[in-house]
Amino acid sequence: MLVNSTMADLSDLTFRTAFVIYIVAMLMSCIYYGRMFGIIDMRRAHEAAQKRAARAEQKVAVAGGGSELVDAPAADTPETPFDPVEYDNRVRGARKWAGMTQSLVWLGVLLHIVAVVTRGFGAKRFPLGNLYEYILMMTAVIMVVAAAVIQRKKWYSVYPWLLAPMIVAMYLNSTVFHIKAAPVVPALQSYWLPVHVSSVSIGASIGIVSGIFSLLYLLRMWQPRGEERGFFGALAKPLPAAKTLDQLAYKTAIITLPLFGIGIMLGAIWAEVAWSRPWGWDAKETVSLITWVLYAAYLHARATAGWKNAKAAWINVFALGVTIFNMTYVNTVIAGLHSYAGLN
């Protein structure tokens, strides 16, 4: 089977272009993140001043027998009066950076998808035959899911935390893990390839998004809103509430569990056809099963009375770590029946 080198080169070009666009979007999201610090501080100072003024009025009213309320003492008013016009200008300015970030992310996602499609046309097969193509597909799915969720919920402050690991993964994929388009080994020349690997990759991609939100949830729990302290407190200040992050991690894990489980079962059926046995405790099979069990344990703990959500979130974070371990170390170092990374 010949390779269409033109389409393969186009895939590499669009992937690297998407990578550059994500970097620019990352920089813009960091500017938005930085502007949110001033907006949050200004809003919190105003809210604190209002509370102090309300308490002062209550004290004066009580001292006067409750007959009338008088103005709070001058000492209880904020040193810098709240300027609603300046506050609105800051909010509008931050929203512009958020809008530009979102637009760039969607442009990057479009090119990312084009890279996946043209890779398939270039290799003249489903583009999931090696580690490079697997990461290419996973990062594309992650960005599609994340961009849709963030735009819908308007949680633009999450972008720096999401784009940073995606940029690192895409850089490694275009350098260390890059493989030129070529026919796959005979064992992968089966209609089971797109069915099994796509369900596993999509499930794992959504699981990675869930794990990232669990990490942010743990950070927010450590640094509650209005009580942030130190360097990590400053980093956590623009993040959504802990409950919001936890709910999103839980909802995405609900999607991950069946998708990933279906992928494992389809892999077992394929193994029965190809190797005359459904399960052989190969390294890839074993670690994938462990990952699925961790997601199941997370959902069970999350829904069990008596379990704190923070403890359950650690299970999801551990599942994230095992997924990354399976995708990198198991694929590149451990030899087995699933050693199709193309780097061995």
C-alpha atoms as a PDB file:
ATOM      1  CA  MET A   1       0.000   0.000   0.000  1.00  0.00           C
ATOM      2  CA  LEU A   2       1.562   3.266  -1.145  1.00  0.00           C
ATOM      3  CA  VAL A   3       1.638   6.345   1.062  1.00  0.00           C
ATOM      4  CA  ASN A   4       0.342   9.708  -0.105  1.00  0.00           C
ATOM      5  CA  SER A   5       3.328  11.819   0.909  1.00  0.00           C
ATOM      6  CA  THR A   6       1.569  15.084   0.023  1.00  0.00           C
ATOM      7  CA  MET A   7      -1.273  14.435   2.458  1.00  0.00           C
ATOM      8  CA  ALA A   8       1.143  13.137   5.089  1.00  0.00           C
ATOM      9  CA  ASP A   9       3.240  16.318   4.837  1.00  0.00           C
ATOM     10  CA  LEU A  10       0.070  18.406   5.013  1.00  0.00           C
ATOM     11  CA  SER A  11      -0.877  16.566   8.212  1.00  0.00           C
ATOM     12  CA  ASP A  12       2.511  17.362   9.783  1.00  0.00           C
ATOM     13  CA  LEU A  13       2.223  21.007   8.715  1.00  0.00           C
ATOM     14  CA  THR A  14      -1.297  21.500  10.079  1.00  0.00           C
ATOM     15  CA  PHE A  15      -0.386  19.745  13.327  1.00  0.00           C
ATOM     16  CA  ARG A  16       2.591  22.033  13.873  1.00  0.00           C
ATOM     17  CA  THR A  17       0.530  25.077  12.904  1.00  0.00           C
ATOM     18  CA  ALA A  18      -2.104  24.075  15.462  1.00  0.00           C
ATOM     19  CA  PHE A  19       0.732  23.720  17.980  1.00  0.00           C
ATOM     20  CA  VAL A  20       1.883  27.311  17.324  1.00  0.00           C
ATOM     21  CA  ILE A  21      -1.695  28.617  17.533  1.00  0.00           C
ATOM     22  CA  TYR A  22      -2.179  26.885  20.882  1.00  0.00           C
ATOM     23  CA  ILE A  23       0.990  28.588  22.145  1.00  0.00           C
ATOM     24  CA  VAL A  24      -0.389  32.011  21.142  1.00  0.00           C
ATOM     25  CA  ALA A  25      -3.724  31.102  22.750  1.00  0.00           C
ATOM     26  CA  MET A  26      -1.833  30.077  25.881  1.00  0.00           C
ATOM     27  CA  LEU A  27      -0.142  33.490  26.057  1.00  0.00           C
ATOM     28  CA  MET A  28      -3.469  35.271  25.608  1.00  0.00           C
ATOM     29  CA  SER A  29      -5.102  33.113  28.262  1.00  0.00           C
ATOM     30  CA  CYS A  30      -2.295  34.019  30.655  1.00  0.00           C
ATOM     31  CA  ILE A  31      -2.949  37.724  30.005  1.00  0.00           C
ATOM     32  CA  TYR A  32      -6.631  37.121  30.741  1.00  0.00           C
ATOM     33  CA  TYR A  33      -5.648  35.177  33.879  1.00  0.00           C
ATOM     34  CA  GLY A  34      -3.470  38.065  35.044  1.00  0.00           C
ATOM     35  CA  ARG A  35      -6.195  40.648  34.434  1.00  0.00           C
ATOM     36  CA  MET A  36      -8.588  38.565  36.517  1.00  0.00           C
ATOM     37  CA  PHE A  37      -6.383  39.088  39.584  1.00  0.00           C
ATOM     38  CA  GLY A  38      -7.087  42.831  39.594  1.00  0.00           C
ATOM     39  CA  ILE A  39     -10.800  42.351  38.888  1.00  0.00           C
ATOM     40  CA  ILE A  40     -11.205  39.822  41.693  1.00  0.00           C
ATOM     41  CA  ASP A  41      -9.250  41.966  44.170  1.00  0.00           C
ATOM     42  CA  MET A  42     -11.327  45.021  43.262  1.00  0.00           C
ATOM     43  CA  ARG A  43     -14.614  43.138  43.635  1.00  0.00           C
ATOM     44  CA  ARG A  44     -13.618  41.537  46.927  1.00  0.00           C
ATOM     45  CA  ALA A  45     -12.436  44.851  48.365  1.00  0.00           C
ATOM     46  CA  HIS A  46     -15.775  46.420  47.435  1.00  0.00           C
ATOM     47  CA  GLU A  47     -17.738  43.531  48.958  1.00  0.00           C
ATOM     48  CA  ALA A  48     -15.658  43.705  52.146  1.00  0.00           C
ATOM     49  CA  ALA A  49     -16.236  47.446  52.393  1.00  0.00           C
ATOM     50  CA  GLN A  50     -19.978  46.966  51.993  1.00  0.00           C
ATOM     51  CA  LYS A  51     -20.009  44.378  54.790  1.00  0.00           C
ATOM     52  CA  ARG A  52     -18.006  46.673  57.107  1.00  0.00           C
ATOM     53  CA  ALA A  53     -20.375  49.544  56.364  1.00  0.00           C
ATOM     54  CA  ALA A  54     -23.418  47.348  57.051  1.00  0.00           C
ATOM     55  CA  ARG A  55     -21.980  46.186  60.397  1.00  0.00           C
ATOM     56  CA  ALA A  56     -21.168  49.783  61.345  1.00  0.00           C
ATOM     57  CA  GLU A  57     -24.726  50.901  60.560  1.00  0.00           C
ATOM     58  CA  GLN A  58     -26.121  48.099  62.701  1.00  0.00           C
ATOM     59  CA  LYS A  59     -23.886  49.106  65.613  1.00  0.00           C
ATOM     60  CA  VAL A  60     -24.929  52.750  65.332  1.00  0.00           C
ATOM     61  CA  ALA A  61     -28.590  51.764  65.147  1.00  0.00           C
ATOM     62  CA  VAL A  62     -28.303  49.632  68.273  1.00  0.00           C
ATOM     63  CA  ALA A  63     -26.466  52.364  70.129  1.00  0.00           C
ATOM     64  CA  GLY A  64     -29.185  54.844  69.206  1.00  0.00           C
ATOM     65  CA  GLY A  65     -31.961  52.628  70.475  1.00  0.00           C
ATOM     66  CA  GLY A  66     -32.891  51.381  67.036  1.00  0.00           C
ATOM     67  CA  SER A  67     -34.838  54.551  66.223  1.00  0.00           C
ATOM     68  CA  GLU A  68     -32.899  55.388  63.071  1.00  0.00           C
ATOM     69  CA  LEU A  69     -29.823  54.460  61.080  1.00  0.00           C
ATOM     70  CA  VAL A  70     -26.970  56.864  60.567  1.00  0.00           C
ATOM     71  CA  ASP A  71     -24.003  56.765  58.244  1.00  0.00           C
ATOM     72  CA  ALA A  72     -21.054  54.566  59.127  1.00  0.00           C
ATOM     73  CA  PRO A  73     -17.968  56.264  60.559  1.00  0.00           C
ATOM     74  CA  ALA A  74     -15.460  57.501  58.032  1.00  0.00           C
ATOM     75  CA  ALA A  75     -12.858  55.068  59.346  1.00  0.00           C
ATOM     76  CA  ASP A  76     -14.991  52.142  58.163  1.00  0.00           C
ATOM     77  CA  THR A  77     -15.146  53.313  54.563  1.00  0.00           C
ATOM     78  CA  PRO A  78     -12.576  51.942  52.079  1.00  0.00           C
ATOM     79  CA  GLU A  79      -9.454  54.005  51.456  1.00  0.00           C
ATOM     80  CA  THR A  80     -10.005  53.790  47.692  1.00  0.00           C
ATOM     81  CA  PRO A  81     -13.681  54.195  46.706  1.00  0.00           C
ATOM     82  CA  PHE A  82     -15.097  51.597  44.365  1.00  0.00           C
ATOM     83  CA  ASP A  83     -15.308  52.928  40.828  1.00  0.00           C
ATOM     84  CA  PRO A  84     -17.964  50.977  38.887  1.00  0.00           C
ATOM     85  CA  VAL A  85     -16.857  52.512  35.591  1.00  0.00           C
ATOM     86  CA  GLU A  86     -13.270  51.360  36.072  1.00  0.00           C
ATOM     87  CA  TYR A  87     -14.500  47.935  37.179  1.00  0.00           C
ATOM     88  CA  ASP A  88     -16.673  47.561  34.065  1.00  0.00           C
ATOM     89  CA  ASN A  89     -13.765  48.644  31.855  1.00  0.00           C
ATOM     90  CA  ARG A  90     -11.527  46.019  33.416  1.00  0.00           C
ATOM     91  CA  VAL A  91     -14.161  43.329  32.946  1.00  0.00           C
ATOM     92  CA  ARG A  92     -14.662  44.285  29.298  1.00  0.00           C
ATOM     93  CA  GLY A  93     -10.916  44.270  28.723  1.00  0.00           C
ATOM     94  CA  ALA A  94     -10.557  40.815  30.252  1.00  0.00           C
ATOM     95  CA  ARG A  95     -13.459  39.499  28.200  1.00  0.00           C
ATOM     96  CA  LYS A  96     -11.758  40.649  25.008  1.00  0.00           C
ATOM     97  CA  TRP A  97      -8.703  38.563  25.849  1.00  0.00           C
ATOM     98  CA  ALA A  98     -10.955  35.621  26.733  1.00  0.00           C
ATOM     99  CA  GLY A  99     -12.781  35.955  23.419  1.00  0.00           C
ATOM    100  CA  MET A 100      -9.529  36.076  21.461  1.00  0.00           C
ATOM    101  CA  THR A 101      -8.275  33.027  23.344  1.00  0.00           C
ATOM    102  CA  GLN A 102     -11.447  31.081  22.586  1.00  0.00           C
ATOM    103  CA  SER A 103     -11.334  32.025  18.895  1.00  0.00           C
ATOM    104  CA  LEU A 104      -7.703  30.959  18.587  1.00  0.00           C
ATOM    105  CA  VAL A 105      -8.409  27.685  20.359  1.00  0.00           C
ATOM    106  CA  TRP A 106     -11.188  26.866  17.894  1.00  0.00           C
ATOM    107  CA  LEU A 107      -8.868  27.702  14.991  1.00  0.00           C
ATOM    108  CA  GLY A 108      -6.250  25.400  16.499  1.00  0.00           C
ATOM    109  CA  VAL A 109      -8.868  22.680  16.986  1.00  0.00           C
ATOM    110  CA  LEU A 110      -9.927  22.971  13.336  1.00  0.00           C
ATOM    111  CA  LEU A 111      -6.339  22.565  12.136  1.00  0.00           C
ATOM    112  CA  HIS A 112      -5.824  19.769  14.658  1.00  0.00           C
ATOM    113  CA  ILE A 113      -8.758  17.842  13.190  1.00  0.00           C
ATOM    114  CA  VAL A 114      -7.451  18.479   9.669  1.00  0.00           C
ATOM    115  CA  ALA A 115      -4.119  17.001  10.787  1.00  0.00           C
ATOM    116  CA  VAL A 116      -5.860  13.820  11.924  1.00  0.00           C
ATOM    117  CA  VAL A 117      -7.911  13.489   8.736  1.00  0.00           C
ATOM    118  CA  THR A 118      -5.026  14.179   6.358  1.00  0.00           C
ATOM    119  CA  ARG A 119      -2.845  11.736   8.291  1.00  0.00           C
ATOM    120  CA  GLY A 120      -5.433   9.074   7.547  1.00  0.00           C
ATOM    121  CA  PHE A 121      -5.513   9.995   3.850  1.00  0.00           C
ATOM    122  CA  GLY A 122      -1.727  10.102   3.775  1.00  0.00           C
ATOM    123  CA  ALA A 123      -1.320   6.665   5.333  1.00  0.00           C
ATOM    124  CA  LYS A 124      -4.415   5.370   3.475  1.00  0.00           C
ATOM    125  CA  ARG A 125      -5.788   3.807   6.654  1.00  0.00           C
ATOM    126  CA  PHE A 126      -7.379   4.781   9.959  1.00  0.00           C
ATOM    127  CA  PRO A 127      -4.820   7.060  11.696  1.00  0.00           C
ATOM    128  CA  LEU A 128      -4.293   5.064  14.887  1.00  0.00           C
ATOM    129  CA  GLY A 129      -1.503   2.686  13.944  1.00  0.00           C
ATOM    130  CA  ASN A 130       1.304   3.950  16.212  1.00  0.00           C
ATOM    131  CA  LEU A 131       1.985   6.120  19.249  1.00  0.00           C
ATOM    132  CA  TYR A 132       2.355   9.328  17.232  1.00  0.00           C
ATOM    133  CA  GLU A 133      -1.083   8.900  15.688  1.00  0.00           C
ATOM    134  CA  TYR A 134      -2.579   7.850  19.020  1.00  0.00           C
ATOM    135  CA  ILE A 135      -1.368  11.041  20.727  1.00  0.00           C
ATOM    136  CA  LEU A 136      -2.404  13.051  17.658  1.00  0.00           C
ATOM    137  CA  MET A 137      -5.948  11.725  18.022  1.00  0.00           C
ATOM    138  CA  MET A 138      -6.052  12.009  21.832  1.00  0.00           C
ATOM    139  CA  THR A 139      -4.888  15.621  21.951  1.00  0.00           C
ATOM    140  CA  ALA A 140      -7.441  16.515  19.269  1.00  0.00           C
ATOM    141  CA  VAL A 141     -10.299  14.917  21.235  1.00  0.00           C
ATOM    142  CA  ILE A 142      -9.138  16.567  24.468  1.00  0.00           C
ATOM    143  CA  MET A 143      -9.097  20.009  22.857  1.00  0.00           C
ATOM    144  CA  VAL A 144     -12.525  19.542  21.243  1.00  0.00           C
ATOM    145  CA  VAL A 145     -14.106  18.454  24.545  1.00  0.00           C
ATOM    146  CA  ALA A 146     -12.346  21.129  26.600  1.00  0.00           C
ATOM    147  CA  ALA A 147     -13.074  23.969  24.158  1.00  0.00           C
ATOM    148  CA  ALA A 148     -16.766  23.077  24.027  1.00  0.00           C
ATOM    149  CA  VAL A 149     -17.103  22.820  27.814  1.00  0.00           C
ATOM    150  CA  ILE A 150     -15.135  25.991  28.564  1.00  0.00           C
ATOM    151  CA  GLN A 151     -17.040  28.073  26.017  1.00  0.00           C
ATOM    152  CA  ARG A 152     -20.387  26.812  27.287  1.00  0.00           C
ATOM    153  CA  LYS A 153     -19.554  27.434  30.951  1.00  0.00           C
ATOM    154  CA  LYS A 154     -17.385  30.534  30.276  1.00  0.00           C
ATOM    155  CA  TRP A 155     -14.583  29.141  32.461  1.00  0.00           C
ATOM    156  CA  TYR A 156     -11.818  30.828  30.475  1.00  0.00           C
ATOM    157  CA  SER A 157      -9.530  30.846  33.505  1.00  0.00           C
ATOM    158  CA  VAL A 158      -9.066  27.089  33.039  1.00  0.00           C
ATOM    159  CA  TYR A 159      -7.299  27.506  29.694  1.00  0.00           C
ATOM    160  CA  PRO A 160      -3.742  28.056  31.002  1.00  0.00           C
ATOM    161  CA  TRP A 161      -4.001  24.856  33.048  1.00  0.00           C
ATOM    162  CA  LEU A 162      -5.279  22.893  30.067  1.00  0.00           C
ATOM    163  CA  LEU A 163      -3.188  24.338  27.244  1.00  0.00           C
ATOM    164  CA  ALA A 164       0.132  23.958  29.094  1.00  0.00           C
ATOM    165  CA  PRO A 165       0.107  20.116  29.240  1.00  0.00           C
ATOM    166  CA  MET A 166      -1.387  19.916  25.726  1.00  0.00           C
ATOM    167  CA  ILE A 167       1.452  22.035  24.321  1.00  0.00           C
ATOM    168  CA  VAL A 168       4.027  19.825  26.046  1.00  0.00           C
ATOM    169  CA  ALA A 169       2.345  16.652  24.744  1.00  0.00           C
ATOM    170  CA  MET A 170       2.144  18.030  21.190  1.00  0.00           C
ATOM    171  CA  TYR A 171       5.788  19.135  21.279  1.00  0.00           C
ATOM    172  CA  LEU A 172       6.935  15.666  22.352  1.00  0.00           C
ATOM    173  CA  ASN A 173       4.663  14.108  19.743  1.00  0.00           C
ATOM    174  CA  SER A 174       6.099  16.194  16.907  1.00  0.00           C
ATOM    175  CA  THR A 175       9.709  15.539  17.984  1.00  0.00           C
ATOM    176  CA  VAL A 176      10.326  12.443  20.108  1.00  0.00           C
ATOM    177  CA  PHE A 177       7.347  10.349  19.004  1.00  0.00           C
ATOM    178  CA  HIS A 178       7.037  11.510  15.400  1.00  0.00           C
ATOM    179  CA  ILE A 179       6.868   8.744  12.800  1.00  0.00           C
ATOM    180  CA  LYS A 180       6.441   9.168   9.072  1.00  0.00           C
ATOM    181  CA  ALA A 181       3.219   7.838   7.586  1.00  0.00           C
ATOM    182  CA  ALA A 182       3.586   4.191   6.593  1.00  0.00           C
ATOM    183  CA  PRO A 183       1.545   0.992   6.360  1.00  0.00           C
ATOM    184  CA  VAL A 184       0.918  -0.760   9.676  1.00  0.00           C
ATOM    185  CA  VAL A 185       2.136  -4.222  10.605  1.00  0.00           C
ATOM    186  CA  PRO A 186      -0.086  -7.123   9.454  1.00  0.00           C
ATOM    187  CA  ALA A 187      -1.503  -7.619  12.969  1.00  0.00           C
ATOM    188  CA  LEU A 188      -3.113  -4.167  12.785  1.00  0.00           C
ATOM    189  CA  GLN A 189      -4.523  -4.547   9.294  1.00  0.00           C
ATOM    190  CA  SER A 190      -8.009  -5.265  10.562  1.00  0.00           C
ATOM    191  CA  TYR A 191     -11.393  -3.559  10.716  1.00  0.00           C
ATOM    192  CA  TRP A 192     -11.093  -3.917  14.496  1.00  0.00           C
ATOM    193  CA  LEU A 193      -8.421  -1.186  14.576  1.00  0.00           C
ATOM    194  CA  PRO A 194     -10.732   1.844  14.197  1.00  0.00           C
ATOM    195  CA  VAL A 195     -13.409   0.283  16.419  1.00  0.00           C
ATOM    196  CA  HIS A 196     -11.184  -0.748  19.324  1.00  0.00           C
ATOM    197  CA  VAL A 197      -8.517   1.960  19.358  1.00  0.00           C
ATOM    198  CA  SER A 198     -10.871   4.885  18.689  1.00  0.00           C
ATOM    199  CA  SER A 199     -13.143   3.981  21.614  1.00  0.00           C
ATOM    200  CA  VAL A 200     -10.143   3.555  23.910  1.00  0.00           C
ATOM    201  CA  SER A 201      -8.513   6.815  22.772  1.00  0.00           C
ATOM    202  CA  ILE A 202     -11.717   8.876  23.075  1.00  0.00           C
ATOM    203  CA  GLY A 203     -12.478   7.400  26.496  1.00  0.00           C
ATOM    204  CA  ALA A 204      -8.929   8.032  27.700  1.00  0.00           C
ATOM    205  CA  SER A 205      -8.997  11.588  26.299  1.00  0.00           C
ATOM    206  CA  ILE A 206     -12.143  12.485  28.227  1.00  0.00           C
ATOM    207  CA  GLY A 207     -10.605  10.797  31.279  1.00  0.00           C
ATOM    208  CA  ILE A 208      -7.576  13.087  31.003  1.00  0.00           C
ATOM    209  CA  VAL A 209      -9.885  16.120  30.977  1.00  0.00           C
ATOM    210  CA  SER A 210     -11.614  14.708  34.066  1.00  0.00           C
ATOM    211  CA  GLY A 211      -8.277  14.199  35.813  1.00  0.00           C
ATOM    212  CA  ILE A 212      -7.148  17.759  35.090  1.00  0.00           C
ATOM    213  CA  PHE A 213     -10.356  19.129  36.588  1.00  0.00           C
ATOM    214  CA  SER A 214      -9.878  16.920  39.665  1.00  0.00           C
ATOM    215  CA  LEU A 215      -6.382  18.386  40.068  1.00  0.00           C
ATOM    216  CA  LEU A 216      -7.793  21.907  39.868  1.00  0.00           C
ATOM    217  CA  TYR A 217     -10.526  20.911  42.331  1.00  0.00           C
ATOM    218  CA  LEU A 218      -7.913  19.746  44.844  1.00  0.00           C
ATOM    219  CA  LEU A 219      -6.009  23.005  44.376  1.00  0.00           C
ATOM    220  CA  ARG A 220      -9.193  25.000  44.955  1.00  0.00           C
ATOM    221  CA  MET A 221     -10.024  22.934  48.059  1.00  0.00           C
ATOM    222  CA  TRP A 222      -6.542  23.668  49.395  1.00  0.00           C
ATOM    223  CA  GLN A 223      -6.975  27.357  48.547  1.00  0.00           C
ATOM    224  CA  PRO A 224     -10.680  28.215  49.134  1.00  0.00           C
ATOM    225  CA  ARG A 225     -12.219  31.283  47.555  1.00  0.00           C
ATOM    226  CA  GLY A 226     -11.451  34.397  49.542  1.00  0.00           C
ATOM    227  CA  GLU A 227      -8.894  32.544  51.696  1.00  0.00           C
ATOM    228  CA  GLU A 228      -6.048  32.106  49.188  1.00  0.00           C
ATOM    229  CA  ARG A 229      -2.591  32.259  50.690  1.00  0.00           C
ATOM    230  CA  GLY A 230       0.888  32.346  49.210  1.00  0.00           C
ATOM    231  CA  PHE A 231       2.020  31.527  45.680  1.00  0.00           C
ATOM    232  CA  PHE A 232      -0.432  28.695  45.064  1.00  0.00           C
ATOM    233  CA  GLY A 233      -3.239  30.787  46.489  1.00  0.00           C
ATOM    234  CA  ALA A 234      -2.492  33.491  43.949  1.00  0.00           C
ATOM    235  CA  LEU A 235      -2.519  30.898  41.154  1.00  0.00           C
ATOM    236  CA  ALA A 236      -5.862  29.511  42.309  1.00  0.00           C
ATOM    237  CA  LYS A 237      -7.605  32.880  42.711  1.00  0.00           C
ATOM    238  CA  PRO A 238      -9.228  33.101  39.218  1.00  0.00           C
ATOM    239  CA  LEU A 239     -10.337  29.449  39.192  1.00  0.00           C
ATOM    240  CA  PRO A 240     -14.029  28.473  39.445  1.00  0.00           C
ATOM    241  CA  ALA A 241     -15.485  27.270  42.745  1.00  0.00           C
ATOM    242  CA  ALA A 242     -14.398  23.859  44.048  1.00  0.00           C
ATOM    243  CA  LYS A 243     -17.913  22.435  43.709  1.00  0.00           C
ATOM    244  CA  THR A 244     -18.056  23.442  40.051  1.00  0.00           C
ATOM    245  CA  LEU A 245     -14.712  21.810  39.250  1.00  0.00           C
ATOM    246  CA  ASP A 246     -15.666  18.649  41.128  1.00  0.00           C
ATOM    247  CA  GLN A 247     -18.972  18.309  39.305  1.00  0.00           C
ATOM    248  CA  LEU A 248     -17.320  18.624  35.913  1.00  0.00           C
ATOM    249  CA  ALA A 249     -14.673  16.043  36.825  1.00  0.00           C
ATOM    250  CA  TYR A 250     -17.435  13.689  37.934  1.00  0.00           C
ATOM    251  CA  LYS A 251     -19.596  14.187  34.822  1.00  0.00           C
ATOM    252  CA  THR A 252     -16.708  13.627  32.410  1.00  0.00           C
ATOM    253  CA  ALA A 253     -15.616  10.515  34.314  1.00  0.00           C
ATOM    254  CA  ILE A 254     -19.149   9.140  33.876  1.00  0.00           C
ATOM    255  CA  ILE A 255     -18.567   9.321  30.110  1.00  0.00           C
ATOM    256  CA  THR A 256     -15.052   7.906  30.386  1.00  0.00           C
ATOM    257  CA  LEU A 257     -15.965   4.731  32.257  1.00  0.00           C
ATOM    258  CA  PRO A 258     -18.302   3.110  29.671  1.00  0.00           C
ATOM    259  CA  LEU A 259     -16.329   4.319  26.634  1.00  0.00           C
ATOM    260  CA  PHE A 260     -13.020   3.044  27.981  1.00  0.00           C
ATOM    261  CA  GLY A 261     -14.657  -0.178  29.154  1.00  0.00           C
ATOM    262  CA  ILE A 262     -16.223  -0.784  25.731  1.00  0.00           C
ATOM    263  CA  GLY A 263     -12.809  -0.229  24.157  1.00  0.00           C
ATOM    264  CA  ILE A 264     -11.247  -2.861  26.438  1.00  0.00           C
ATOM    265  CA  MET A 265     -14.014  -5.361  25.669  1.00  0.00           C
ATOM    266  CA  LEU A 266     -13.682  -4.775  21.928  1.00  0.00           C
ATOM    267  CA  GLY A 267      -9.942  -5.292  22.305  1.00  0.00           C
ATOM    268  CA  ALA A 268     -10.600  -8.626  24.003  1.00  0.00           C
ATOM    269  CA  ILE A 269     -12.834  -9.701  21.104  1.00  0.00           C
ATOM    270  CA  TRP A 270     -10.147  -8.667  18.615  1.00  0.00           C
ATOM    271  CA  ALA A 271      -7.521 -10.567  20.636  1.00  0.00           C
ATOM    272  CA  GLU A 272      -9.675 -13.706  20.457  1.00  0.00           C
ATOM    273  CA  VAL A 273      -9.817 -13.368  16.684  1.00  0.00           C
ATOM    274  CA  ALA A 274      -6.125 -12.488  16.214  1.00  0.00           C
ATOM    275  CA  TRP A 275      -4.372 -14.460  18.969  1.00  0.00           C
ATOM    276  CA  SER A 276      -6.966 -17.110  19.859  1.00  0.00           C
ATOM    277  CA  ARG A 277      -7.345 -15.804  23.376  1.00  0.00           C
ATOM    278  CA  PRO A 278      -9.312 -12.807  24.727  1.00  0.00           C
ATOM    279  CA  TRP A 279      -6.893 -11.890  27.495  1.00  0.00           C
ATOM    280  CA  GLY A 280      -3.209 -12.562  28.084  1.00  0.00           C
ATOM    281  CA  TRP A 281      -2.194 -10.113  30.823  1.00  0.00           C
ATOM    282  CA  ASP A 282      -0.011  -8.232  28.381  1.00  0.00           C
ATOM    283  CA  ALA A 283       1.428  -5.023  29.908  1.00  0.00           C
ATOM    284  CA  LYS A 284      -0.872  -2.791  27.852  1.00  0.00           C
ATOM    285  CA  GLU A 285      -3.931  -4.897  28.673  1.00  0.00           C
ATOM    286  CA  THR A 286      -3.114  -5.011  32.377  1.00  0.00           C
ATOM    287  CA  VAL A 287      -2.446  -1.287  32.819  1.00  0.00           C
ATOM    288  CA  SER A 288      -5.563  -0.429  30.787  1.00  0.00           C
ATOM    289  CA  LEU A 289      -7.663  -2.649  33.042  1.00  0.00           C
ATOM    290  CA  ILE A 290      -6.128  -1.034  36.133  1.00  0.00           C
ATOM    291  CA  THR A 291      -7.001   2.405  34.700  1.00  0.00           C
ATOM    292  CA  TRP A 292     -10.614   1.369  34.109  1.00  0.00           C
ATOM    293  CA  VAL A 293     -10.863  -0.016  37.656  1.00  0.00           C
ATOM    294  CA  LEU A 294      -9.547   3.295  39.003  1.00  0.00           C
ATOM    295  CA  TYR A 295     -12.224   5.243  37.128  1.00  0.00           C
ATOM    296  CA  ALA A 296     -14.853   2.857  38.472  1.00  0.00           C
ATOM    297  CA  ALA A 297     -13.439   3.282  41.986  1.00  0.00           C
ATOM    298  CA  TYR A 298     -13.521   7.057  41.632  1.00  0.00           C
ATOM    299  CA  LEU A 299     -17.167   7.105  40.549  1.00  0.00           C
ATOM    300  CA  HIS A 300     -18.094   4.643  43.294  1.00  0.00           C
ATOM    301  CA  ALA A 301     -16.287   6.665  45.964  1.00  0.00           C
ATOM    302  CA  ARG A 302     -17.730   9.905  44.624  1.00  0.00           C
ATOM    303  CA  ALA A 303     -21.275   8.525  44.944  1.00  0.00           C
ATOM    304  CA  THR A 304     -20.757   6.766  48.296  1.00  0.00           C
ATOM    305  CA  ALA A 305     -21.970   8.459  51.460  1.00  0.00           C
ATOM    306  CA  GLY A 306     -19.201   9.056  53.943  1.00  0.00           C
ATOM    307  CA  TRP A 307     -16.509   9.561  51.317  1.00  0.00           C
ATOM    308  CA  LYS A 308     -15.241  13.094  51.025  1.00  0.00           C
ATOM    309  CA  ASN A 309     -15.040  14.345  47.455  1.00  0.00           C
ATOM    310  CA  ALA A 310     -11.400  15.312  47.971  1.00  0.00           C
ATOM    311  CA  LYS A 311     -10.456  11.706  48.760  1.00  0.00           C
ATOM    312  CA  ALA A 312     -12.334  10.488  45.699  1.00  0.00           C
ATOM    313  CA  ALA A 313     -10.630  13.142  43.559  1.00  0.00           C
ATOM    314  CA  TRP A 314      -7.227  11.686  44.437  1.00  0.00           C
ATOM    315  CA  ILE A 315      -8.334   8.406  42.842  1.00  0.00           C
ATOM    316  CA  ASN A 316      -9.179  10.274  39.639  1.00  0.00           C
ATOM    317  CA  VAL A 317      -5.807  12.021  39.696  1.00  0.00           C
ATOM    318  CA  PHE A 318      -4.112   8.645  40.162  1.00  0.00           C
ATOM    319  CA  ALA A 319      -6.072   7.330  37.156  1.00  0.00           C
ATOM    320  CA  LEU A 320      -4.744  10.317  35.179  1.00  0.00           C
ATOM    321  CA  GLY A 321      -1.191   9.403  36.158  1.00  0.00           C
ATOM    322  CA  VAL A 322      -1.685   5.756  35.175  1.00  0.00           C
ATOM    323  CA  THR A 323      -3.146   6.837  31.812  1.00  0.00           C
ATOM    324  CA  ILE A 324      -0.065   8.952  31.072  1.00  0.00           C
ATOM    325  CA  PHE A 325       2.199   6.106  32.238  1.00  0.00           C
ATOM    326  CA  ASN A 326       0.373   3.680  29.951  1.00  0.00           C
ATOM    327  CA  MET A 327       0.533   6.054  26.995  1.00  0.00           C
ATOM    328  CA  THR A 328       4.258   6.773  27.330  1.00  0.00           C
ATOM    329  CA  TYR A 329       6.329   4.280  29.339  1.00  0.00           C
ATOM    330  CA  VAL A 330       4.324   1.126  28.554  1.00  0.00           C
ATOM    331  CA  ASN A 331       4.169   2.011  24.853  1.00  0.00           C
ATOM    332  CA  THR A 332       7.848   2.869  24.467  1.00  0.00           C
ATOM    333  CA  VAL A 333       9.780   0.779  27.007  1.00  0.00           C
ATOM    334  CA  ILE A 334       7.896  -2.410  27.879  1.00  0.00           C
ATOM    335  CA  ALA A 335       7.894  -5.007  25.115  1.00  0.00           C
ATOM    336  CA  GLY A 336       4.662  -6.903  24.518  1.00  0.00           C
ATOM    337  CA  LEU A 337       1.984  -7.815  22.035  1.00  0.00           C
ATOM    338  CA  HIS A 338       0.844  -4.168  22.007  1.00  0.00           C
ATOM    339  CA  SER A 339       4.276  -2.718  21.184  1.00  0.00           C
ATOM    340  CA  TYR A 340       3.133  -0.781  18.130  1.00  0.00           C
ATOM    341  CA  ALA A 341       4.502   2.612  19.093  1.00  0.00           C
ATOM    342  CA  GLY A 342       6.914   2.473  16.170  1.00  0.00           C
ATOM    343  CA  LEU A 343       9.836   3.482  18.393  1.00  0.00           C
ATOM    344  CA  ASN A 344      11.012   0.064  19.552  1.00  0.00           C
END
